Amino acid sequence: MTPTNKEKMIAGIEYNANDPELQNDRQRALTLTQAYNATSPEANEKKSTILELLFKSSGANLKITPPFYCDYGYNITVGDNFYTNFSCIILDCAPVTIGNNVMLGPKVQIYTATHPIDPLERRNGLEYAKPVTIEDDVWIGGGTIINPGVTIGRGTTIGSGSVVTHDIPANVVAVGNPCMIMRQLD
C-alpha cells in the first residue's frame, strides 16, 4: 500500500505539502491556535482543552504565553513544566519532542520542515521534514531558531538569538550563529 503524504511527512520522506489532507490539518491547527491566542488569560480550563486537542500529548503545568503558532500540533509532544514566552512558532511537520522542565524565551522558532534545493521540486510543493528533540531541563533564550533534525541535550542552555544548525550535547552553554558550545556545565 502506498503511504499517504501525511505518513510520508511524519516519516521524513519527501511529500507534497499541497495535499488536501495536509491542507485540512493545517487549517485545523490554525483554527485551534487562533482560539487559544484569543482566549482570556484567566480561562485556564479552556486553554488546557484547546492544547489537549492540538498537541499529540502534554504533561502537567503547561504554560504557553500567546501568541503561539504551529503547523499541525499533532506532532508536538511536551513533558511536565513546559513554559514558552510570547510568539513561539513550531513548524511540526515531523515530530517535535520536548522534555520536562523546558523553558523557551520569546520568539523561539522550532523548524522541522525543510525544502529541496532544486527550485522545480520546490515549485511543485515537495518538501520533507526532520524531527527535533529538546531533552529535559533545557533553557532556550529568546529569538533562537532551531533547525530541522536537531537534538538539544539535557541540561543545556542556548543563548538568545542563536541559530541551532546541528545537535548540541547535554550540559553545555551554547550560543551564536551558528550555535557553538561556549562551555561545559558541571
C-alpha atoms as a PDB file:
ATOM      1  CA  MET A   1       0.000   0.000   0.000  1.00  0.00           C
ATOM      2  CA  THR A   2       1.348   3.428  -0.940  1.00  0.00           C
ATOM      3  CA  PRO A   3       1.832   5.739   2.045  1.00  0.00           C
ATOM      4  CA  THR A   4      -0.186   8.942   2.179  1.00  0.00           C
ATOM      5  CA  ASN A   5       1.532  12.320   2.056  1.00  0.00           C
ATOM      6  CA  LYS A   6       0.789  12.679   5.767  1.00  0.00           C
ATOM      7  CA  GLU A   7       2.514   9.351   6.510  1.00  0.00           C
ATOM      8  CA  LYS A   8       5.465  10.368   4.326  1.00  0.00           C
ATOM      9  CA  MET A   9       5.708  13.744   6.083  1.00  0.00           C
ATOM     10  CA  ILE A  10       5.833  12.244   9.564  1.00  0.00           C
ATOM     11  CA  ALA A  11       8.349   9.581   8.428  1.00  0.00           C
ATOM     12  CA  GLY A  12      10.713  12.198   6.972  1.00  0.00           C
ATOM     13  CA  ILE A  13      10.148  11.098   3.366  1.00  0.00           C
ATOM     14  CA  GLU A  14       9.659  13.670   0.606  1.00  0.00           C
ATOM     15  CA  TYR A  15       5.942  14.552   0.405  1.00  0.00           C
ATOM     16  CA  ASN A  16       3.623  17.035  -1.261  1.00  0.00           C
ATOM     17  CA  ALA A  17       2.633  19.795   1.163  1.00  0.00           C
ATOM     18  CA  ASN A  18      -0.282  20.778  -1.110  1.00  0.00           C
ATOM     19  CA  ASP A  19      -2.056  17.508  -0.339  1.00  0.00           C
ATOM     20  CA  PRO A  20      -5.708  18.217   0.617  1.00  0.00           C
ATOM     21  CA  GLU A  21      -5.466  16.181   3.847  1.00  0.00           C
ATOM     22  CA  LEU A  22      -2.437  18.211   4.965  1.00  0.00           C
ATOM     23  CA  GLN A  23      -4.130  21.476   3.989  1.00  0.00           C
ATOM     24  CA  ASN A  24      -7.129  20.491   6.135  1.00  0.00           C
ATOM     25  CA  ASP A  25      -4.835  19.535   9.030  1.00  0.00           C
ATOM     26  CA  ARG A  26      -3.069  22.917   8.847  1.00  0.00           C
ATOM     27  CA  GLN A  27      -6.447  24.673   8.791  1.00  0.00           C
ATOM     28  CA  ARG A  28      -7.485  22.745  11.920  1.00  0.00           C
ATOM     29  CA  ALA A  29      -4.276  23.797  13.692  1.00  0.00           C
ATOM     30  CA  LEU A  30      -4.779  27.402  12.606  1.00  0.00           C
ATOM     31  CA  THR A  31      -8.333  27.385  13.966  1.00  0.00           C
ATOM     32  CA  LEU A  32      -7.187  25.922  17.303  1.00  0.00           C
ATOM     33  CA  THR A  33      -4.205  28.278  17.684  1.00  0.00           C
ATOM     34  CA  GLN A  34      -6.384  31.284  16.857  1.00  0.00           C
ATOM     35  CA  ALA A  35      -8.858  30.153  19.522  1.00  0.00           C
ATOM     36  CA  TYR A  36      -6.031  29.664  22.020  1.00  0.00           C
ATOM     37  CA  ASN A  37      -4.496  33.050  21.274  1.00  0.00           C
ATOM     38  CA  ALA A  38      -7.893  34.763  21.655  1.00  0.00           C
ATOM     39  CA  THR A  39      -8.735  33.078  24.978  1.00  0.00           C
ATOM     40  CA  SER A  40      -8.626  35.349  28.029  1.00  0.00           C
ATOM     41  CA  PRO A  41      -5.640  34.835  30.350  1.00  0.00           C
ATOM     42  CA  GLU A  42      -7.766  33.606  33.263  1.00  0.00           C
ATOM     43  CA  ALA A  43      -9.618  30.934  31.200  1.00  0.00           C
ATOM     44  CA  ASN A  44      -7.148  28.198  32.134  1.00  0.00           C
ATOM     45  CA  GLU A  45      -9.526  25.274  31.630  1.00  0.00           C
ATOM     46  CA  LYS A  46     -10.462  26.423  28.121  1.00  0.00           C
ATOM     47  CA  LYS A  47      -6.802  26.941  27.200  1.00  0.00           C
ATOM     48  CA  SER A  48      -5.911  23.464  28.512  1.00  0.00           C
ATOM     49  CA  THR A  49      -8.715  21.898  26.471  1.00  0.00           C
ATOM     50  CA  ILE A  50      -7.527  23.599  23.280  1.00  0.00           C
ATOM     51  CA  LEU A  51      -3.944  22.405  23.834  1.00  0.00           C
ATOM     52  CA  GLU A  52      -5.172  18.847  24.510  1.00  0.00           C
ATOM     53  CA  LEU A  53      -6.949  18.929  21.147  1.00  0.00           C
ATOM     54  CA  LEU A  54      -3.929  20.439  19.417  1.00  0.00           C
ATOM     55  CA  PHE A  55      -0.916  18.509  20.767  1.00  0.00           C
ATOM     56  CA  LYS A  56      -0.121  14.822  20.467  1.00  0.00           C
ATOM     57  CA  SER A  57       0.487  14.805  24.225  1.00  0.00           C
ATOM     58  CA  SER A  58       1.490  17.128  27.019  1.00  0.00           C
ATOM     59  CA  GLY A  59       2.459  16.844  30.659  1.00  0.00           C
ATOM     60  CA  ALA A  60       1.362  18.772  33.731  1.00  0.00           C
ATOM     61  CA  ASN A  61       1.924  22.506  34.253  1.00  0.00           C
ATOM     62  CA  LEU A  62       1.953  23.516  30.600  1.00  0.00           C
ATOM     63  CA  LYS A  63       2.250  27.304  30.203  1.00  0.00           C
ATOM     64  CA  ILE A  64       2.223  28.877  26.764  1.00  0.00           C
ATOM     65  CA  THR A  65       2.059  32.666  26.593  1.00  0.00           C
ATOM     66  CA  PRO A  66       0.123  33.724  23.483  1.00  0.00           C
ATOM     67  CA  PRO A  67       0.527  34.181  20.665  1.00  0.00           C
ATOM     68  CA  PHE A  68       1.529  30.632  19.793  1.00  0.00           C
ATOM     69  CA  TYR A  69       1.684  29.154  16.285  1.00  0.00           C
ATOM     70  CA  CYS A  70       2.214  25.681  14.825  1.00  0.00           C
ATOM     71  CA  ASP A  71       1.638  23.851  11.534  1.00  0.00           C
ATOM     72  CA  TYR A  72      -0.212  20.754  12.726  1.00  0.00           C
ATOM     73  CA  GLY A  73       0.045  20.352  16.505  1.00  0.00           C
ATOM     74  CA  TYR A  74      -0.401  16.584  16.376  1.00  0.00           C
ATOM     75  CA  ASN A  75       3.349  16.097  16.013  1.00  0.00           C
ATOM     76  CA  ILE A  76       4.157  18.034  19.217  1.00  0.00           C
ATOM     77  CA  THR A  77       4.849  16.212  22.481  1.00  0.00           C
ATOM     78  CA  VAL A  78       5.788  18.205  25.591  1.00  0.00           C
ATOM     79  CA  GLY A  79       6.662  16.998  29.079  1.00  0.00           C
ATOM     80  CA  ASP A  80       5.869  18.398  32.515  1.00  0.00           C
ATOM     81  CA  ASN A  81       6.559  22.014  33.477  1.00  0.00           C
ATOM     82  CA  PHE A  82       6.898  23.353  29.939  1.00  0.00           C
ATOM     83  CA  TYR A  83       6.928  27.130  29.508  1.00  0.00           C
ATOM     84  CA  THR A  84       7.188  29.240  26.407  1.00  0.00           C
ATOM     85  CA  ASN A  85       7.082  33.002  26.288  1.00  0.00           C
ATOM     86  CA  PHE A  86       5.401  35.161  23.623  1.00  0.00           C
ATOM     87  CA  SER A  87       5.400  34.355  19.898  1.00  0.00           C
ATOM     88  CA  CYS A  88       6.643  30.763  19.840  1.00  0.00           C
ATOM     89  CA  ILE A  89       6.484  29.111  16.409  1.00  0.00           C
ATOM     90  CA  ILE A  90       6.735  25.345  15.960  1.00  0.00           C
ATOM     91  CA  LEU A  91       6.680  24.030  12.392  1.00  0.00           C
ATOM     92  CA  ASP A  92       5.862  20.455  13.323  1.00  0.00           C
ATOM     93  CA  CYS A  93       5.824  18.581  10.019  1.00  0.00           C
ATOM     94  CA  ALA A  94       7.924  15.925  11.754  1.00  0.00           C
ATOM     95  CA  PRO A  95       7.763  15.040  15.453  1.00  0.00           C
ATOM     96  CA  VAL A  96       8.856  17.708  17.934  1.00  0.00           C
ATOM     97  CA  THR A  97       9.615  16.132  21.304  1.00  0.00           C
ATOM     98  CA  ILE A  98      10.173  18.463  24.250  1.00  0.00           C
ATOM     99  CA  GLY A  99      11.128  17.023  27.639  1.00  0.00           C
ATOM    100  CA  ASN A 100      10.339  18.017  31.209  1.00  0.00           C
ATOM    101  CA  ASN A 101      11.251  21.390  32.738  1.00  0.00           C
ATOM    102  CA  VAL A 102      11.953  23.111  29.423  1.00  0.00           C
ATOM    103  CA  MET A 103      11.723  26.894  29.096  1.00  0.00           C
ATOM    104  CA  LEU A 104      11.650  28.870  25.855  1.00  0.00           C
ATOM    105  CA  GLY A 105      12.194  32.615  25.696  1.00  0.00           C
ATOM    106  CA  PRO A 106      10.105  34.903  23.480  1.00  0.00           C
ATOM    107  CA  LYS A 107      10.096  34.362  19.724  1.00  0.00           C
ATOM    108  CA  VAL A 108      11.734  30.938  19.786  1.00  0.00           C
ATOM    109  CA  GLN A 109      11.210  29.144  16.480  1.00  0.00           C
ATOM    110  CA  ILE A 110      11.442  25.383  16.017  1.00  0.00           C
ATOM    111  CA  TYR A 111      11.520  24.146  12.416  1.00  0.00           C
ATOM    112  CA  THR A 112      11.171  20.563  11.238  1.00  0.00           C
ATOM    113  CA  ALA A 113      10.190  21.468   7.659  1.00  0.00           C
ATOM    114  CA  THR A 114      12.859  21.716   5.021  1.00  0.00           C
ATOM    115  CA  HIS A 115      12.795  22.012   1.262  1.00  0.00           C
ATOM    116  CA  PRO A 116      14.650  20.643  -1.751  1.00  0.00           C
ATOM    117  CA  ILE A 117      17.456  22.727  -3.197  1.00  0.00           C
ATOM    118  CA  ASP A 118      16.078  22.160  -6.705  1.00  0.00           C
ATOM    119  CA  PRO A 119      13.662  25.038  -7.497  1.00  0.00           C
ATOM    120  CA  LEU A 120      11.476  22.850  -9.739  1.00  0.00           C
ATOM    121  CA  GLU A 121      10.867  20.418  -6.873  1.00  0.00           C
ATOM    122  CA  ARG A 122      10.045  23.323  -4.547  1.00  0.00           C
ATOM    123  CA  ARG A 123       7.680  24.810  -7.124  1.00  0.00           C
ATOM    124  CA  ASN A 124       5.758  21.512  -7.166  1.00  0.00           C
ATOM    125  CA  GLY A 125       5.208  21.699  -3.388  1.00  0.00           C
ATOM    126  CA  LEU A 126       7.652  18.959  -2.475  1.00  0.00           C
ATOM    127  CA  GLU A 127       9.308  19.135   0.919  1.00  0.00           C
ATOM    128  CA  TYR A 128      10.460  16.873   3.713  1.00  0.00           C
ATOM    129  CA  ALA A 129      10.853  17.114   7.454  1.00  0.00           C
ATOM    130  CA  LYS A 130      13.294  16.058  10.153  1.00  0.00           C
ATOM    131  CA  PRO A 131      12.356  15.650  13.839  1.00  0.00           C
ATOM    132  CA  VAL A 132      13.551  17.977  16.592  1.00  0.00           C
ATOM    133  CA  THR A 133      14.194  16.801  20.157  1.00  0.00           C
ATOM    134  CA  ILE A 134      14.742  19.044  23.174  1.00  0.00           C
ATOM    135  CA  GLU A 135      15.647  16.966  26.221  1.00  0.00           C
ATOM    136  CA  ASP A 136      14.836  17.663  29.906  1.00  0.00           C
ATOM    137  CA  ASP A 137      15.919  20.796  31.784  1.00  0.00           C
ATOM    138  CA  VAL A 138      16.795  22.876  28.717  1.00  0.00           C
ATOM    139  CA  TRP A 139      16.539  26.659  28.576  1.00  0.00           C
ATOM    140  CA  ILE A 140      16.417  28.311  25.157  1.00  0.00           C
ATOM    141  CA  GLY A 141      16.941  32.065  25.019  1.00  0.00           C
ATOM    142  CA  GLY A 142      14.684  34.450  23.132  1.00  0.00           C
ATOM    143  CA  GLY A 143      14.879  34.738  19.386  1.00  0.00           C
ATOM    144  CA  THR A 144      16.568  31.367  18.938  1.00  0.00           C
ATOM    145  CA  ILE A 145      15.919  29.357  15.772  1.00  0.00           C
ATOM    146  CA  ILE A 146      16.217  25.555  15.935  1.00  0.00           C
ATOM    147  CA  ASN A 147      16.654  23.936  12.525  1.00  0.00           C
ATOM    148  CA  PRO A 148      15.342  20.562  11.277  1.00  0.00           C
ATOM    149  CA  GLY A 149      16.885  17.383  12.641  1.00  0.00           C
ATOM    150  CA  VAL A 150      18.449  18.943  15.739  1.00  0.00           C
ATOM    151  CA  THR A 151      18.655  17.390  19.207  1.00  0.00           C
ATOM    152  CA  ILE A 152      19.486  19.576  22.205  1.00  0.00           C
ATOM    153  CA  GLY A 153      20.835  17.562  25.143  1.00  0.00           C
ATOM    154  CA  ARG A 154      19.603  17.515  28.724  1.00  0.00           C
ATOM    155  CA  GLY A 155      20.518  20.444  30.970  1.00  0.00           C
ATOM    156  CA  THR A 156      21.771  22.665  28.150  1.00  0.00           C
ATOM    157  CA  THR A 157      21.301  26.430  27.857  1.00  0.00           C
ATOM    158  CA  ILE A 158      21.073  28.015  24.416  1.00  0.00           C
ATOM    159  CA  GLY A 159      21.849  31.756  24.369  1.00  0.00           C
ATOM    160  CA  SER A 160      19.445  34.322  22.932  1.00  0.00           C
ATOM    161  CA  GLY A 161      19.474  34.849  19.198  1.00  0.00           C
ATOM    162  CA  SER A 162      21.204  31.569  18.422  1.00  0.00           C
ATOM    163  CA  VAL A 163      20.677  29.614  15.214  1.00  0.00           C
ATOM    164  CA  VAL A 164      20.980  25.927  16.082  1.00  0.00           C
ATOM    165  CA  THR A 165      22.023  24.069  12.928  1.00  0.00           C
ATOM    166  CA  HIS A 166      23.385  20.844  14.479  1.00  0.00           C
ATOM    167  CA  ASP A 167      22.991  18.715  17.603  1.00  0.00           C
ATOM    168  CA  ILE A 168      24.077  20.298  20.883  1.00  0.00           C
ATOM    169  CA  PRO A 169      25.194  17.863  23.637  1.00  0.00           C
ATOM    170  CA  ALA A 170      23.966  17.705  27.225  1.00  0.00           C
ATOM    171  CA  ASN A 171      25.048  20.126  29.953  1.00  0.00           C
ATOM    172  CA  VAL A 172      26.625  22.897  27.923  1.00  0.00           C
ATOM    173  CA  VAL A 173      26.095  26.589  27.270  1.00  0.00           C
ATOM    174  CA  ALA A 174      25.933  27.240  23.543  1.00  0.00           C
ATOM    175  CA  VAL A 175      25.315  30.466  21.643  1.00  0.00           C
ATOM    176  CA  GLY A 176      25.717  32.108  18.262  1.00  0.00           C
ATOM    177  CA  ASN A 177      25.020  31.818  14.574  1.00  0.00           C
ATOM    178  CA  PRO A 178      25.775  29.047  14.017  1.00  0.00           C
ATOM    179  CA  CYS A 179      25.281  27.970  17.615  1.00  0.00           C
ATOM    180  CA  MET A 180      28.575  26.840  19.161  1.00  0.00           C
ATOM    181  CA  ILE A 181      29.447  25.393  22.558  1.00  0.00           C
ATOM    182  CA  MET A 182      30.926  28.055  24.850  1.00  0.00           C
ATOM    183  CA  ARG A 183      31.439  25.977  27.979  1.00  0.00           C
ATOM    184  CA  GLN A 184      30.689  22.687  29.686  1.00  0.00           C
ATOM    185  CA  LEU A 185      28.445  22.719  32.783  1.00  0.00           C
ATOM    186  CA  ASP A 186      29.217  20.633  35.884  1.00  0.00           C
END
